[in-house]
Amino acid sequence: MDLDLFQDFNTRYGHPAGNGMLQNISSLIKQNVREVDMAARYGGEEFILLLPMIDGNGASALAERLREQVEHQTWENPSFGKLHVTISCGVASIPAQVIETAESLLACADKALRRAKANGRNRMEIYEPGRD
């Protein structure tokens, strides 16, 4: 998942507000994942979730739930008041798609994420082979 237009957010509110927003999103993710799941920041404003023992439908449901929670949440910033962001999510799963390595799983999720961004942001897309 990726925070939408985060560079614009940082330009408008500054990097301290951006860092605070990343911490807020991290907390929200932690509240929604199981102990067996792994959530990590992956790059500047991207997060990756590894969800063992859950199928693509479950992963999609979690991604959509997180997207909706972020969409409807505001966070108080002492300098700027209530701030809001949205996220876009890309989901890929094994064995729904034939994916052989961790790298290819990540590449498939990234393709779905890029499609979510291209289709308007603030949405979740599922990787489908041949639909790049």
Protein backbone atom coordinates (compact mmCIF):
# COMPACT_ATOMS: atom_id res chain seq x y z
CA MET A 1 0.00 0.00 0.00
CA ASP A 2 1.05 3.55 -0.63
CA LEU A 3 -0.07 6.93 0.69
CA ASP A 4 -1.63 8.88 -2.14
CA LEU A 5 0.05 12.12 -3.21
CA PHE A 6 2.38 11.97 -0.23
CA GLN A 7 5.02 14.17 -1.84
CA ASP A 8 2.38 16.91 -2.14
CA PHE A 9 1.44 16.33 1.53
CA ASN A 10 5.08 16.78 2.59
CA THR A 11 5.44 19.89 0.43
CA ARG A 12 2.32 21.46 1.90
CA TYR A 13 2.69 20.49 5.57
CA GLY A 14 6.40 19.68 5.93
CA HIS A 15 8.32 16.53 6.66
CA PRO A 16 7.58 16.48 10.43
CA ALA A 17 3.84 16.32 9.62
CA GLY A 18 4.60 13.67 6.99
CA ASN A 19 6.53 11.59 9.50
CA GLY A 20 3.67 11.93 11.94
CA MET A 21 1.23 10.74 9.29
CA LEU A 22 3.42 7.71 8.54
CA GLN A 23 3.36 6.89 12.26
CA ASN A 24 -0.44 7.24 12.31
CA ILE A 25 -0.82 4.88 9.36
CA SER A 26 1.61 2.43 10.99
CA SER A 27 -0.50 2.39 14.15
CA LEU A 28 -3.67 1.80 12.15
CA ILE A 29 -2.04 -1.11 10.32
CA LYS A 30 -0.86 -2.65 13.62
CA GLN A 31 -4.42 -2.48 14.96
CA ASN A 32 -5.70 -4.47 11.97
CA VAL A 33 -3.17 -7.27 11.51
CA ARG A 34 -2.81 -10.58 13.32
CA GLU A 35 0.24 -11.59 15.35
CA VAL A 36 1.31 -13.97 12.57
CA ASP A 37 1.24 -11.20 9.94
CA MET A 38 4.21 -9.03 9.08
CA ALA A 39 3.80 -5.34 8.35
CA ALA A 40 6.70 -3.10 7.41
CA ARG A 41 7.44 0.24 5.86
CA TYR A 42 8.77 -0.40 2.39
CA GLY A 43 10.28 2.67 0.83
CA GLY A 44 9.29 6.25 1.51
CA GLU A 45 5.51 6.12 1.90
CA GLU A 46 4.87 2.49 1.03
CA PHE A 47 3.96 -0.33 3.37
CA ILE A 48 4.01 -4.05 2.75
CA LEU A 49 1.90 -6.64 4.51
CA LEU A 50 2.70 -10.34 4.41
CA LEU A 51 -0.33 -12.34 5.46
CA PRO A 52 0.46 -16.04 5.86
CA MET A 53 -2.39 -18.51 6.07
CA ILE A 54 -4.88 -16.16 4.44
CA ASP A 55 -6.22 -16.39 0.91
CA GLY A 56 -6.56 -13.64 -1.66
CA ASN A 57 -10.12 -12.88 -0.59
CA GLY A 58 -9.01 -12.36 3.01
CA ALA A 59 -6.06 -10.21 1.92
CA SER A 60 -8.33 -8.13 -0.31
CA ALA A 61 -10.84 -7.69 2.51
CA LEU A 62 -8.09 -6.48 4.87
CA ALA A 63 -6.69 -4.09 2.25
CA GLU A 64 -10.14 -2.64 1.58
CA ARG A 65 -10.85 -2.32 5.32
CA LEU A 66 -7.59 -0.42 5.84
CA ARG A 67 -8.28 1.78 2.82
CA GLU A 68 -11.72 2.69 4.14
CA GLN A 69 -10.44 3.38 7.66
CA VAL A 70 -7.74 5.72 6.35
CA GLU A 71 -10.22 7.43 4.02
CA HIS A 72 -12.57 8.25 6.93
CA GLN A 73 -9.88 9.11 9.50
CA THR A 74 -8.44 12.49 10.35
CA TRP A 75 -5.41 13.06 12.56
CA GLU A 76 -4.81 16.11 14.68
CA ASN A 77 -1.63 18.02 13.98
CA PRO A 78 -0.66 20.81 16.43
CA SER A 79 0.41 23.17 13.63
CA PHE A 80 -2.17 22.41 10.95
CA GLY A 81 -5.23 21.00 12.71
CA LYS A 82 -6.98 17.97 11.26
CA LEU A 83 -5.09 16.26 8.46
CA HIS A 84 -6.31 13.59 6.09
CA VAL A 85 -4.72 11.22 3.57
CA THR A 86 -5.86 8.30 1.46
CA ILE A 87 -4.08 5.11 0.47
CA SER A 88 -4.02 2.87 -2.55
CA CYS A 89 -3.49 -0.88 -2.22
CA GLY A 90 -2.29 -3.63 -4.51
CA VAL A 91 -2.97 -7.27 -3.59
CA ALA A 92 -1.33 -10.42 -4.94
CA SER A 93 -1.71 -13.88 -3.48
CA ILE A 94 -0.43 -17.41 -3.70
CA PRO A 95 -1.87 -19.72 -5.08
CA ALA A 96 -4.57 -17.58 -6.71
CA GLN A 97 -1.93 -16.47 -9.13
CA VAL A 98 0.94 -18.72 -10.09
CA ILE A 99 3.80 -16.91 -8.40
CA GLU A 100 7.04 -18.74 -7.79
CA THR A 101 9.26 -16.39 -5.76
CA ALA A 102 8.89 -13.71 -3.11
CA GLU A 103 10.27 -11.20 -5.60
CA SER A 104 7.63 -12.06 -8.19
CA LEU A 105 4.89 -11.88 -5.54
CA LEU A 106 6.06 -8.38 -4.65
CA ALA A 107 6.25 -7.40 -8.33
CA CYS A 108 2.66 -8.60 -8.86
CA ALA A 109 1.40 -6.64 -5.85
CA ASP A 110 3.27 -3.59 -7.15
CA LYS A 111 1.59 -3.93 -10.57
CA ALA A 112 -1.80 -3.99 -8.86
CA LEU A 113 -0.82 -0.96 -6.75
CA ARG A 114 0.24 0.98 -9.85
CA ARG A 115 -3.10 0.11 -11.45
CA ALA A 116 -4.93 1.41 -8.36
CA LYS A 117 -3.00 4.67 -8.65
CA ALA A 118 -3.65 4.93 -12.40
CA ASN A 119 -7.37 4.31 -11.87
CA GLY A 120 -7.81 7.26 -9.53
CA ARG A 121 -6.11 6.46 -6.20
CA ASN A 122 -7.87 5.71 -2.91
CA ARG A 123 -8.69 2.23 -4.12
CA MET A 124 -7.62 -1.39 -3.91
CA GLU A 125 -6.74 -3.51 -6.94
CA ILE A 126 -6.09 -7.25 -7.12
CA TYR A 127 -3.32 -8.55 -9.36
CA GLU A 128 -4.62 -10.45 -12.36
CA PRO A 129 -2.14 -12.15 -14.69
CA GLY A 130 -2.01 -10.46 -18.09
CA ARG A 131 -3.66 -7.28 -16.83
CA ASP A 132 -0.70 -5.00 -16.28
